Every structure is written in C-alpha cells, then in structure tokens.
Amino acid sequence: MGGNVTVRLNLNATGYSAEMAKAQRTMQSFASATAAMGHGTVSTMQASSAAIRVLEGGMTGNIRAAERFISMLPGVGAALQAAFPVVGAIALAGVFVKIGEEVAKAIQKIEQMPVAIQNGFRAMNISAETSIDSLNLSTAKMQEQIDLLSGKRPNTLAEDLANAALAADKLAASLDADNQKIKQLLQEQHLNAVE
C-alpha cells in the first residue's frame, strides 16, 4: 500500500450485492492493515494509565510512558538507538562502581572483625581475672582464719594484695564498659574514633 486506497464499485442490478460484499472485504482488509500499523503506537488505556500515574505524583515510576513518548519523537528513537553502546557502557560502569562500593564495605567489615574479636576476648579476660582474684581473696581470708585457729599470726599481706587485684579488675571492667559506651555514642553520631 502506497498510502492510496482505491475502491471500485460497479453498480448494476445483478452485481450490486457481490460488489458490496467485495467492497466490505476491501474495507475490512484496509481496517486490519491500519490496525496493524497502529499496533506500535500508544493505546488509549496506556495513555490513560500514564496520565493517572503522573497526576498521582508518580513521575519517577512512569518509565514506560516516557519510553514510548521518546520513541515516538521523530529522529530521537534512531539517535538513542545509535547512542545505545555509550549508554550501555555508562550503565555497566555504574554496575562496576556499585560492586566496588559493596566490596569496599565488605573489606571494611573484615578489617573491623579483629578489633571486635579482640574487644570480646578482652571483656572475657577481664571477667575471668575478676573471678580468679575473687577466689584468691576468699582463699586469703580462709587462710587467715586457719592461721588464727591454729594459733599462728595471720598473713594480712596476701589479703591486701588480693583486694588490690580485685579492685584493679573492677576498675578495668568499668573502664572497658565506659570505652564501649563512648564507641557506641561516636558510632551513633557517625564519628570515627581512634582505636
């Protein structure tokens, strides 16, 4: 079809019905061809849907309508098709940047793991030392009682040393707890602290 539609009617009494049926078939064929040509254009449903999304404020979620509109502009579709390798390369570079950021975050977490493990073991060590020093204090007190009952002079130096060690352990635990609170506060405020 070159853009022209020719319909020939031969109106005589005998061929009128046949010619009308032929004309109807030609019109149906023309309607089918027109519908096939318009298949790539925007339907009323698509246009209505896009308009409603825009009116609801969905400007960024309306990609299909934007794609159709741009492809319908004369010359723009062909220009974008020619520019696709560049656009594809930019998109691929964006993917690589995103992957790089994720790898950097993973490396940062891995680097922080030894510090977290060290902090955990330090807390466990302080707790164990406190328990041991508490036992040493109890042992020193019992030894003093045994010495008194057996008539010996009690060794108060052992008790004093055990008390000092226990007090040092409690101070270390308190300092460690305060240090953890300061780190948590700095993290909440998005500040970096020196380890």
N, C-alpha and C. Protein backbone atom coordinates (compact mmCIF):
# COMPACT_ATOMS: atom_id res chain seq x y z
N MET A 1 0.85 -1.18 0.00
CA MET A 1 0.00 0.00 0.00
C MET A 1 0.89 1.23 0.00
N GLY A 2 0.65 2.07 -0.91
CA GLY A 2 1.44 3.27 -1.03
C GLY A 2 0.74 4.47 -0.45
N GLY A 3 -0.20 4.28 0.42
CA GLY A 3 -0.91 5.39 1.03
C GLY A 3 -2.21 5.71 0.29
N ASN A 4 -2.48 5.00 -0.80
CA ASN A 4 -3.72 5.23 -1.55
C ASN A 4 -4.64 4.04 -1.39
N VAL A 5 -5.92 4.34 -1.26
CA VAL A 5 -6.93 3.29 -1.17
C VAL A 5 -7.89 3.52 -2.33
N THR A 6 -8.02 2.49 -3.12
CA THR A 6 -8.92 2.60 -4.27
C THR A 6 -10.04 1.59 -4.08
N VAL A 7 -11.27 2.07 -4.14
CA VAL A 7 -12.44 1.21 -4.02
C VAL A 7 -13.25 1.39 -5.30
N ARG A 8 -13.46 0.30 -6.02
CA ARG A 8 -14.23 0.36 -7.28
C ARG A 8 -15.56 -0.33 -7.07
N LEU A 9 -16.57 0.38 -7.35
CA LEU A 9 -17.92 -0.18 -7.26
C LEU A 9 -18.53 -0.21 -8.66
N ASN A 10 -19.02 -1.33 -9.01
CA ASN A 10 -19.72 -1.48 -10.28
C ASN A 10 -21.18 -1.67 -9.94
N LEU A 11 -21.98 -0.65 -10.14
CA LEU A 11 -23.36 -0.67 -9.68
C LEU A 11 -24.32 -1.08 -10.81
N ASN A 12 -24.58 -2.32 -10.93
CA ASN A 12 -25.66 -2.80 -11.78
C ASN A 12 -26.52 -3.72 -10.94
N ALA A 13 -27.66 -4.03 -11.35
CA ALA A 13 -28.63 -4.74 -10.55
C ALA A 13 -28.17 -6.14 -10.19
N THR A 14 -27.51 -6.81 -11.08
CA THR A 14 -27.13 -8.19 -10.80
C THR A 14 -25.87 -8.28 -9.93
N GLY A 15 -24.92 -7.39 -10.13
CA GLY A 15 -23.65 -7.49 -9.40
C GLY A 15 -23.57 -6.59 -8.18
N TYR A 16 -24.69 -5.92 -7.84
CA TYR A 16 -24.66 -4.98 -6.73
C TYR A 16 -24.28 -5.66 -5.41
N SER A 17 -24.91 -6.79 -5.11
CA SER A 17 -24.64 -7.49 -3.85
C SER A 17 -23.22 -8.02 -3.81
N ALA A 18 -22.78 -8.56 -4.92
CA ALA A 18 -21.42 -9.11 -4.97
C ALA A 18 -20.39 -7.99 -4.82
N GLU A 19 -20.62 -6.87 -5.48
CA GLU A 19 -19.69 -5.74 -5.40
C GLU A 19 -19.68 -5.14 -3.99
N MET A 20 -20.83 -5.10 -3.33
CA MET A 20 -20.90 -4.58 -1.96
C MET A 20 -20.13 -5.51 -1.01
N ALA A 21 -20.25 -6.81 -1.22
CA ALA A 21 -19.51 -7.76 -0.39
C ALA A 21 -18.02 -7.62 -0.63
N LYS A 22 -17.64 -7.39 -1.89
CA LYS A 22 -16.24 -7.20 -2.23
C LYS A 22 -15.72 -5.90 -1.60
N ALA A 23 -16.53 -4.85 -1.64
CA ALA A 23 -16.14 -3.58 -1.03
C ALA A 23 -15.98 -3.73 0.50
N GLN A 24 -16.89 -4.51 1.08
CA GLN A 24 -16.82 -4.72 2.52
C GLN A 24 -15.53 -5.48 2.88
N ARG A 25 -15.18 -6.50 2.08
CA ARG A 25 -13.94 -7.23 2.33
C ARG A 25 -12.73 -6.32 2.18
N THR A 26 -12.76 -5.44 1.18
CA THR A 26 -11.64 -4.50 0.97
C THR A 26 -11.52 -3.54 2.15
N MET A 27 -12.64 -3.08 2.65
CA MET A 27 -12.63 -2.17 3.81
C MET A 27 -12.12 -2.90 5.06
N GLN A 28 -12.54 -4.15 5.22
CA GLN A 28 -12.06 -4.93 6.37
C GLN A 28 -10.55 -5.16 6.26
N SER A 29 -10.09 -5.44 5.06
CA SER A 29 -8.65 -5.62 4.85
C SER A 29 -7.90 -4.32 5.16
N PHE A 30 -8.47 -3.21 4.71
CA PHE A 30 -7.87 -1.90 4.99
C PHE A 30 -7.86 -1.62 6.51
N ALA A 31 -8.95 -1.94 7.20
CA ALA A 31 -9.03 -1.73 8.64
C ALA A 31 -8.01 -2.60 9.37
N SER A 32 -7.84 -3.85 8.90
CA SER A 32 -6.84 -4.73 9.53
C SER A 32 -5.43 -4.18 9.34
N ALA A 33 -5.14 -3.70 8.13
CA ALA A 33 -3.81 -3.15 7.85
C ALA A 33 -3.57 -1.90 8.69
N THR A 34 -4.60 -1.08 8.84
CA THR A 34 -4.47 0.13 9.64
C THR A 34 -4.25 -0.23 11.11
N ALA A 35 -4.97 -1.22 11.59
CA ALA A 35 -4.80 -1.64 12.98
C ALA A 35 -3.40 -2.20 13.20
N ALA A 36 -2.87 -2.94 12.23
CA ALA A 36 -1.52 -3.50 12.35
C ALA A 36 -0.49 -2.38 12.37
N MET A 37 -0.71 -1.33 11.56
CA MET A 37 0.22 -0.21 11.56
C MET A 37 0.18 0.52 12.89
N GLY A 38 -0.97 0.65 13.48
CA GLY A 38 -1.11 1.37 14.74
C GLY A 38 -0.76 0.55 15.96
N HIS A 39 -0.38 -0.71 15.74
CA HIS A 39 -0.05 -1.59 16.88
C HIS A 39 1.13 -1.05 17.70
N GLY A 40 2.06 -0.36 17.09
CA GLY A 40 3.22 0.16 17.80
C GLY A 40 2.98 1.48 18.49
N THR A 41 1.79 2.06 18.32
CA THR A 41 1.52 3.35 18.96
C THR A 41 0.88 3.12 20.32
N VAL A 42 0.65 4.19 21.03
CA VAL A 42 0.11 4.12 22.38
C VAL A 42 -1.40 3.93 22.33
N SER A 43 -1.90 2.95 23.09
CA SER A 43 -3.34 2.74 23.15
C SER A 43 -3.95 3.75 24.12
N THR A 44 -5.25 3.88 24.07
CA THR A 44 -5.91 4.81 24.99
C THR A 44 -5.75 4.36 26.43
N MET A 45 -5.73 3.05 26.66
CA MET A 45 -5.54 2.52 28.00
C MET A 45 -4.14 2.90 28.53
N GLN A 46 -3.13 2.74 27.68
CA GLN A 46 -1.76 3.07 28.09
C GLN A 46 -1.63 4.57 28.37
N ALA A 47 -2.22 5.38 27.50
CA ALA A 47 -2.14 6.83 27.69
C ALA A 47 -2.86 7.24 28.97
N SER A 48 -4.02 6.64 29.23
CA SER A 48 -4.77 6.95 30.45
C SER A 48 -3.98 6.54 31.69
N SER A 49 -3.41 5.36 31.64
CA SER A 49 -2.62 4.87 32.78
C SER A 49 -1.44 5.78 33.07
N ALA A 50 -0.74 6.20 32.03
CA ALA A 50 0.42 7.10 32.21
C ALA A 50 -0.03 8.44 32.78
N ALA A 51 -1.13 8.96 32.27
CA ALA A 51 -1.62 10.25 32.76
C ALA A 51 -2.03 10.18 34.24
N ILE A 52 -2.67 9.10 34.62
CA ILE A 52 -3.09 8.94 36.02
C ILE A 52 -1.88 8.84 36.94
N ARG A 53 -0.85 8.10 36.52
CA ARG A 53 0.37 7.98 37.34
C ARG A 53 1.05 9.33 37.52
N VAL A 54 1.08 10.12 36.47
CA VAL A 54 1.70 11.45 36.57
C VAL A 54 0.88 12.34 37.49
N LEU A 55 -0.44 12.29 37.37
CA LEU A 55 -1.30 13.11 38.22
C LEU A 55 -1.22 12.71 39.69
N GLU A 56 -0.95 11.41 39.94
CA GLU A 56 -0.80 10.95 41.32
C GLU A 56 0.56 11.30 41.90
N GLY A 57 1.44 11.82 41.09
CA GLY A 57 2.77 12.19 41.57
C GLY A 57 3.81 11.13 41.29
N GLY A 58 3.49 10.14 40.51
CA GLY A 58 4.43 9.06 40.20
C GLY A 58 5.30 9.41 39.02
N MET A 59 6.02 10.52 39.11
CA MET A 59 6.85 10.94 37.99
C MET A 59 7.99 9.96 37.71
N THR A 60 8.59 9.42 38.75
CA THR A 60 9.74 8.54 38.52
C THR A 60 9.32 7.12 38.19
N GLY A 61 8.11 6.71 38.51
CA GLY A 61 7.65 5.35 38.24
C GLY A 61 6.94 5.23 36.92
N ASN A 62 7.12 6.16 36.02
CA ASN A 62 6.39 6.19 34.77
C ASN A 62 7.32 5.95 33.59
N ILE A 63 8.21 4.99 33.70
CA ILE A 63 9.26 4.77 32.70
C ILE A 63 8.69 4.32 31.36
N ARG A 64 7.66 3.51 31.38
CA ARG A 64 7.12 3.02 30.10
C ARG A 64 6.53 4.14 29.27
N ALA A 65 5.81 5.04 29.94
CA ALA A 65 5.22 6.17 29.20
C ALA A 65 6.33 7.05 28.62
N ALA A 66 7.37 7.28 29.39
CA ALA A 66 8.48 8.10 28.89
C ALA A 66 9.17 7.41 27.72
N GLU A 67 9.36 6.10 27.82
CA GLU A 67 9.98 5.36 26.72
C GLU A 67 9.16 5.48 25.45
N ARG A 68 7.86 5.28 25.56
CA ARG A 68 7.00 5.37 24.37
C ARG A 68 7.02 6.77 23.77
N PHE A 69 6.94 7.78 24.65
CA PHE A 69 6.92 9.16 24.16
C PHE A 69 8.21 9.49 23.42
N ILE A 70 9.34 9.12 24.00
CA ILE A 70 10.63 9.43 23.37
C ILE A 70 10.76 8.69 22.04
N SER A 71 10.31 7.43 22.00
CA SER A 71 10.44 6.66 20.75
C SER A 71 9.54 7.21 19.65
N MET A 72 8.48 7.93 20.02
CA MET A 72 7.58 8.49 19.01
C MET A 72 8.09 9.81 18.43
N LEU A 73 9.03 10.46 19.10
CA LEU A 73 9.57 11.72 18.59
C LEU A 73 10.41 11.44 17.35
N PRO A 74 10.20 12.20 16.29
CA PRO A 74 10.94 11.95 15.04
C PRO A 74 12.45 12.10 15.25
N GLY A 75 13.18 11.06 14.90
CA GLY A 75 14.64 11.11 14.95
C GLY A 75 15.24 10.77 16.30
N VAL A 76 14.48 10.94 17.39
CA VAL A 76 15.03 10.70 18.72
C VAL A 76 15.27 9.21 18.94
N GLY A 77 14.33 8.38 18.53
CA GLY A 77 14.48 6.94 18.69
C GLY A 77 15.72 6.43 17.98
N ALA A 78 15.94 6.89 16.74
CA ALA A 78 17.12 6.46 15.99
C ALA A 78 18.41 6.97 16.64
N ALA A 79 18.37 8.20 17.14
CA ALA A 79 19.57 8.75 17.80
C ALA A 79 19.88 7.97 19.08
N LEU A 80 18.86 7.64 19.84
CA LEU A 80 19.09 6.86 21.05
C LEU A 80 19.56 5.44 20.72
N GLN A 81 19.05 4.90 19.63
CA GLN A 81 19.50 3.58 19.22
C GLN A 81 20.98 3.62 18.84
N ALA A 82 21.40 4.68 18.17
CA ALA A 82 22.81 4.83 17.81
C ALA A 82 23.67 5.06 19.05
N ALA A 83 23.10 5.74 20.07
CA ALA A 83 23.86 6.05 21.29
C ALA A 83 23.81 4.91 22.30
N PHE A 84 23.10 3.84 22.00
CA PHE A 84 22.93 2.76 22.98
C PHE A 84 24.24 2.16 23.47
N PRO A 85 25.24 1.93 22.60
CA PRO A 85 26.50 1.39 23.13
C PRO A 85 27.13 2.29 24.21
N VAL A 86 27.04 3.60 24.02
CA VAL A 86 27.58 4.52 25.02
C VAL A 86 26.77 4.45 26.30
N VAL A 87 25.44 4.45 26.16
CA VAL A 87 24.56 4.36 27.33
C VAL A 87 24.79 3.03 28.05
N GLY A 88 24.94 1.96 27.30
CA GLY A 88 25.21 0.66 27.89
C GLY A 88 26.53 0.64 28.64
N ALA A 89 27.55 1.28 28.08
CA ALA A 89 28.86 1.35 28.75
C ALA A 89 28.75 2.14 30.05
N ILE A 90 27.98 3.23 30.03
CA ILE A 90 27.79 4.03 31.25
C ILE A 90 27.06 3.21 32.30
N ALA A 91 26.03 2.49 31.88
CA ALA A 91 25.29 1.64 32.83
C ALA A 91 26.19 0.55 33.40
N LEU A 92 27.03 -0.04 32.56
CA LEU A 92 27.96 -1.07 33.03
C LEU A 92 28.96 -0.48 34.00
N ALA A 93 29.44 0.73 33.72
CA ALA A 93 30.36 1.40 34.64
C ALA A 93 29.67 1.64 35.99
N GLY A 94 28.39 2.01 35.96
CA GLY A 94 27.63 2.18 37.19
C GLY A 94 27.53 0.89 37.99
N VAL A 95 27.35 -0.22 37.29
CA VAL A 95 27.29 -1.52 37.96
C VAL A 95 28.64 -1.83 38.62
N PHE A 96 29.74 -1.56 37.88
CA PHE A 96 31.07 -1.80 38.45
C PHE A 96 31.33 -0.92 39.67
N VAL A 97 30.88 0.34 39.62
CA VAL A 97 31.05 1.23 40.77
C VAL A 97 30.28 0.68 41.97
N LYS A 98 29.06 0.22 41.75
CA LYS A 98 28.25 -0.33 42.83
C LYS A 98 28.91 -1.58 43.42
N ILE A 99 29.43 -2.44 42.56
CA ILE A 99 30.12 -3.64 43.03
C ILE A 99 31.36 -3.24 43.84
N GLY A 100 32.09 -2.23 43.35
CA GLY A 100 33.27 -1.75 44.07
C GLY A 100 32.92 -1.22 45.44
N GLU A 101 31.82 -0.49 45.54
CA GLU A 101 31.38 0.03 46.84
C GLU A 101 31.04 -1.11 47.79
N GLU A 102 30.36 -2.13 47.29
CA GLU A 102 29.99 -3.27 48.13
C GLU A 102 31.24 -4.04 48.59
N VAL A 103 32.21 -4.19 47.68
CA VAL A 103 33.45 -4.87 48.05
C VAL A 103 34.19 -4.05 49.12
N ALA A 104 34.22 -2.71 48.96
CA ALA A 104 34.88 -1.85 49.95
C ALA A 104 34.21 -1.99 51.32
N LYS A 105 32.88 -2.04 51.33
CA LYS A 105 32.17 -2.22 52.60
C LYS A 105 32.51 -3.57 53.23
N ALA A 106 32.57 -4.60 52.40
CA ALA A 106 32.90 -5.94 52.92
C ALA A 106 34.32 -5.96 53.49
N ILE A 107 35.25 -5.32 52.78
CA ILE A 107 36.64 -5.27 53.27
C ILE A 107 36.71 -4.51 54.58
N GLN A 108 35.96 -3.41 54.67
CA GLN A 108 35.96 -2.62 55.91
C GLN A 108 35.43 -3.46 57.07
N LYS A 109 34.37 -4.24 56.84
CA LYS A 109 33.84 -5.10 57.90
C LYS A 109 34.84 -6.17 58.29
N ILE A 110 35.53 -6.72 57.29
CA ILE A 110 36.52 -7.76 57.58
C ILE A 110 37.67 -7.16 58.38
N GLU A 111 38.06 -5.93 58.03
CA GLU A 111 39.14 -5.28 58.78
C GLU A 111 38.73 -4.97 60.22
N GLN A 112 37.45 -4.73 60.45
CA GLN A 112 36.98 -4.41 61.79
C GLN A 112 36.79 -5.66 62.65
N MET A 113 36.73 -6.83 62.03
CA MET A 113 36.49 -8.06 62.77
C MET A 113 37.58 -8.34 63.82
N PRO A 114 38.87 -8.20 63.50
CA PRO A 114 39.87 -8.48 64.55
C PRO A 114 39.71 -7.58 65.77
N VAL A 115 39.36 -6.32 65.55
CA VAL A 115 39.16 -5.39 66.67
C VAL A 115 37.97 -5.85 67.51
N ALA A 116 36.90 -6.25 66.85
CA ALA A 116 35.71 -6.72 67.58
C ALA A 116 36.02 -8.00 68.35
N ILE A 117 36.78 -8.90 67.72
CA ILE A 117 37.15 -10.14 68.41
C ILE A 117 38.05 -9.82 69.60
N GLN A 118 39.00 -8.91 69.38
CA GLN A 118 39.91 -8.53 70.47
C GLN A 118 39.12 -7.91 71.63
N ASN A 119 38.16 -7.05 71.32
CA ASN A 119 37.34 -6.45 72.38
C ASN A 119 36.54 -7.51 73.13
N GLY A 120 36.01 -8.46 72.39
CA GLY A 120 35.24 -9.54 73.04
C GLY A 120 36.11 -10.37 73.96
N PHE A 121 37.30 -10.73 73.50
CA PHE A 121 38.20 -11.52 74.34
C PHE A 121 38.71 -10.70 75.53
N ARG A 122 38.90 -9.39 75.33
CA ARG A 122 39.34 -8.55 76.44
C ARG A 122 38.28 -8.55 77.54
N ALA A 123 37.02 -8.43 77.15
CA ALA A 123 35.93 -8.45 78.14
C ALA A 123 35.88 -9.79 78.86
N MET A 124 36.07 -10.89 78.09
CA MET A 124 36.06 -12.21 78.72
C MET A 124 37.26 -12.37 79.65
N ASN A 125 38.40 -11.84 79.24
CA ASN A 125 39.61 -11.94 80.06
C ASN A 125 39.45 -11.16 81.37
N ILE A 126 38.88 -9.97 81.28
CA ILE A 126 38.65 -9.17 82.50
C ILE A 126 37.72 -9.91 83.45
N SER A 127 36.67 -10.51 82.89
CA SER A 127 35.73 -11.26 83.71
C SER A 127 36.41 -12.46 84.37
N ALA A 128 37.25 -13.16 83.62
CA ALA A 128 37.95 -14.33 84.19
C ALA A 128 38.93 -13.89 85.27
N GLU A 129 39.66 -12.81 85.02
CA GLU A 129 40.61 -12.31 86.02
C GLU A 129 39.88 -11.87 87.30
N THR A 130 38.72 -11.25 87.13
CA THR A 130 37.94 -10.84 88.30
C THR A 130 37.53 -12.06 89.12
N SER A 131 37.09 -13.10 88.44
CA SER A 131 36.69 -14.33 89.14
C SER A 131 37.88 -14.95 89.86
N ILE A 132 39.01 -15.01 89.19
CA ILE A 132 40.21 -15.60 89.81
C ILE A 132 40.63 -14.78 91.02
N ASP A 133 40.64 -13.44 90.88
CA ASP A 133 41.05 -12.60 92.01
C ASP A 133 40.06 -12.67 93.16
N SER A 134 38.78 -12.86 92.86
CA SER A 134 37.79 -13.06 93.93
C SER A 134 38.07 -14.36 94.68
N LEU A 135 38.40 -15.40 93.94
CA LEU A 135 38.76 -16.67 94.57
C LEU A 135 40.04 -16.53 95.41
N ASN A 136 41.02 -15.78 94.90
CA ASN A 136 42.26 -15.57 95.66
C ASN A 136 41.98 -14.81 96.96
N LEU A 137 41.08 -13.84 96.90
CA LEU A 137 40.72 -13.09 98.10
C LEU A 137 40.05 -14.01 99.12
N SER A 138 39.11 -14.83 98.62
CA SER A 138 38.44 -15.78 99.52
C SER A 138 39.44 -16.75 100.13
N THR A 139 40.38 -17.21 99.33
CA THR A 139 41.41 -18.13 99.81
C THR A 139 42.27 -17.45 100.87
N ALA A 140 42.67 -16.18 100.63
CA ALA A 140 43.50 -15.45 101.60
C ALA A 140 42.75 -15.26 102.91
N LYS A 141 41.44 -14.96 102.85
CA LYS A 141 40.65 -14.79 104.07
C LYS A 141 40.53 -16.11 104.84
N MET A 142 40.32 -17.20 104.09
CA MET A 142 40.22 -18.51 104.76
C MET A 142 41.56 -18.89 105.39
N GLN A 143 42.67 -18.57 104.71
CA GLN A 143 43.98 -18.87 105.27
C GLN A 143 44.22 -18.07 106.55
N GLU A 144 43.74 -16.81 106.56
CA GLU A 144 43.85 -16.01 107.79
C GLU A 144 43.08 -16.66 108.93
N GLN A 145 41.87 -17.15 108.64
CA GLN A 145 41.06 -17.80 109.67
C GLN A 145 41.74 -19.09 110.15
N ILE A 146 42.32 -19.85 109.22
CA ILE A 146 43.03 -21.08 109.61
C ILE A 146 44.22 -20.74 110.48
N ASP A 147 44.96 -19.68 110.08
CA ASP A 147 46.12 -19.27 110.90
C ASP A 147 45.69 -18.85 112.30
N LEU A 148 44.58 -18.10 112.42
CA LEU A 148 44.09 -17.67 113.73
C LEU A 148 43.69 -18.88 114.58
N LEU A 149 42.98 -19.83 113.97
CA LEU A 149 42.54 -21.02 114.71
C LEU A 149 43.72 -21.90 115.13
N SER A 150 44.77 -21.92 114.34
CA SER A 150 45.93 -22.76 114.68
C SER A 150 46.94 -22.02 115.55
N GLY A 151 46.63 -20.77 115.92
CA GLY A 151 47.48 -20.02 116.82
C GLY A 151 48.63 -19.31 116.13
N LYS A 152 48.63 -19.25 114.84
CA LYS A 152 49.67 -18.56 114.11
C LYS A 152 49.27 -17.10 113.88
N ARG A 153 50.26 -16.34 113.58
CA ARG A 153 50.00 -14.93 113.24
C ARG A 153 49.47 -14.87 111.79
N PRO A 154 48.27 -14.24 111.52
CA PRO A 154 47.71 -14.22 110.15
C PRO A 154 48.55 -13.34 109.21
N ASN A 155 48.60 -13.76 107.95
CA ASN A 155 49.32 -13.02 106.90
C ASN A 155 48.31 -12.11 106.20
N THR A 156 48.21 -10.87 106.65
CA THR A 156 47.23 -9.94 106.05
C THR A 156 47.72 -9.37 104.72
N LEU A 157 48.99 -9.52 104.43
CA LEU A 157 49.52 -9.01 103.16
C LEU A 157 48.88 -9.72 101.97
N ALA A 158 48.66 -11.02 102.06
CA ALA A 158 48.02 -11.79 100.97
C ALA A 158 46.61 -11.28 100.73
N GLU A 159 45.88 -10.99 101.82
CA GLU A 159 44.51 -10.46 101.67
C GLU A 159 44.54 -9.08 101.04
N ASP A 160 45.49 -8.24 101.48
CA ASP A 160 45.59 -6.89 100.92
C ASP A 160 45.92 -6.92 99.43
N LEU A 161 46.82 -7.81 99.03
CA LEU A 161 47.17 -7.95 97.61
C LEU A 161 45.97 -8.45 96.80
N ALA A 162 45.24 -9.41 97.34
CA ALA A 162 44.06 -9.94 96.65
C ALA A 162 42.99 -8.86 96.51
N ASN A 163 42.81 -8.03 97.57
CA ASN A 163 41.86 -6.90 97.49
C ASN A 163 42.28 -5.90 96.43
N ALA A 164 43.57 -5.60 96.36
CA ALA A 164 44.07 -4.65 95.36
C ALA A 164 43.87 -5.19 93.94
N ALA A 165 44.15 -6.48 93.75
CA ALA A 165 43.97 -7.10 92.43
C ALA A 165 42.50 -7.08 92.02
N LEU A 166 41.62 -7.38 92.97
CA LEU A 166 40.19 -7.37 92.68
C LEU A 166 39.71 -5.96 92.34
N ALA A 167 40.20 -4.98 93.09
CA ALA A 167 39.83 -3.59 92.80
C ALA A 167 40.33 -3.17 91.42
N ALA A 168 41.54 -3.61 91.03
CA ALA A 168 42.08 -3.30 89.70
C ALA A 168 41.22 -3.94 88.60
N ASP A 169 40.77 -5.17 88.85
CA ASP A 169 39.91 -5.85 87.87
C ASP A 169 38.59 -5.10 87.70
N LYS A 170 38.02 -4.67 88.81
CA LYS A 170 36.75 -3.93 88.73
C LYS A 170 36.95 -2.60 88.01
N LEU A 171 38.08 -1.94 88.25
CA LEU A 171 38.39 -0.69 87.54
C LEU A 171 38.55 -0.95 86.04
N ALA A 172 39.24 -2.04 85.67
CA ALA A 172 39.43 -2.38 84.26
C ALA A 172 38.08 -2.67 83.59
N ALA A 173 37.20 -3.39 84.28
CA ALA A 173 35.88 -3.69 83.73
C ALA A 173 35.07 -2.41 83.55
N SER A 174 35.17 -1.51 84.51
CA SER A 174 34.45 -0.24 84.43
C SER A 174 34.97 0.61 83.28
N LEU A 175 36.29 0.67 83.13
CA LEU A 175 36.89 1.44 82.03
C LEU A 175 36.52 0.85 80.67
N ASP A 176 36.51 -0.49 80.59
CA ASP A 176 36.14 -1.14 79.33
C ASP A 176 34.69 -0.85 78.99
N ALA A 177 33.80 -0.88 79.98
CA ALA A 177 32.38 -0.58 79.74
C ALA A 177 32.22 0.87 79.29
N ASP A 178 32.96 1.78 79.93
CA ASP A 178 32.89 3.19 79.53
C ASP A 178 33.42 3.38 78.11
N ASN A 179 34.49 2.67 77.77
CA ASN A 179 35.06 2.75 76.43
C ASN A 179 34.05 2.27 75.39
N GLN A 180 33.35 1.19 75.68
CA GLN A 180 32.33 0.69 74.76
C GLN A 180 31.18 1.69 74.58
N LYS A 181 30.79 2.35 75.66
CA LYS A 181 29.72 3.36 75.58
C LYS A 181 30.16 4.54 74.74
N ILE A 182 31.42 4.94 74.88
CA ILE A 182 31.94 6.06 74.08
C ILE A 182 31.97 5.68 72.60
N LYS A 183 32.42 4.45 72.29
CA LYS A 183 32.44 4.00 70.89
C LYS A 183 31.03 3.96 70.31
N GLN A 184 30.08 3.48 71.10
CA GLN A 184 28.69 3.41 70.64
C GLN A 184 28.15 4.81 70.37
N LEU A 185 28.44 5.75 71.25
CA LEU A 185 28.00 7.12 71.07
C LEU A 185 28.61 7.73 69.82
N LEU A 186 29.90 7.48 69.59
CA LEU A 186 30.56 8.00 68.40
C LEU A 186 29.98 7.39 67.13
N GLN A 187 29.65 6.10 67.19
CA GLN A 187 29.05 5.46 66.03
C GLN A 187 27.66 6.02 65.75
N GLU A 188 26.90 6.29 66.80
CA GLU A 188 25.57 6.86 66.62
C GLU A 188 25.66 8.26 66.03
N GLN A 189 26.71 8.99 66.36
CA GLN A 189 26.89 10.35 65.84
C GLN A 189 27.70 10.35 64.55
N HIS A 190 28.02 9.15 64.02
CA HIS A 190 28.77 8.97 62.77
C HIS A 190 30.14 9.63 62.82
N LEU A 191 30.81 9.48 63.94
CA LEU A 191 32.17 9.99 64.08
C LEU A 191 33.13 8.81 64.15
N ASN A 192 34.35 9.04 63.72
CA ASN A 192 35.36 7.99 63.76
C ASN A 192 36.21 8.16 65.01
N ALA A 193 36.45 7.06 65.67
CA ALA A 193 37.29 7.09 66.87
C ALA A 193 38.56 6.34 66.58
N VAL A 194 39.64 6.76 67.15
CA VAL A 194 40.90 6.06 67.02
C VAL A 194 40.89 4.88 67.97
N GLU A 195 41.25 3.72 67.47
CA GLU A 195 41.25 2.51 68.29
C GLU A 195 42.36 2.58 69.32
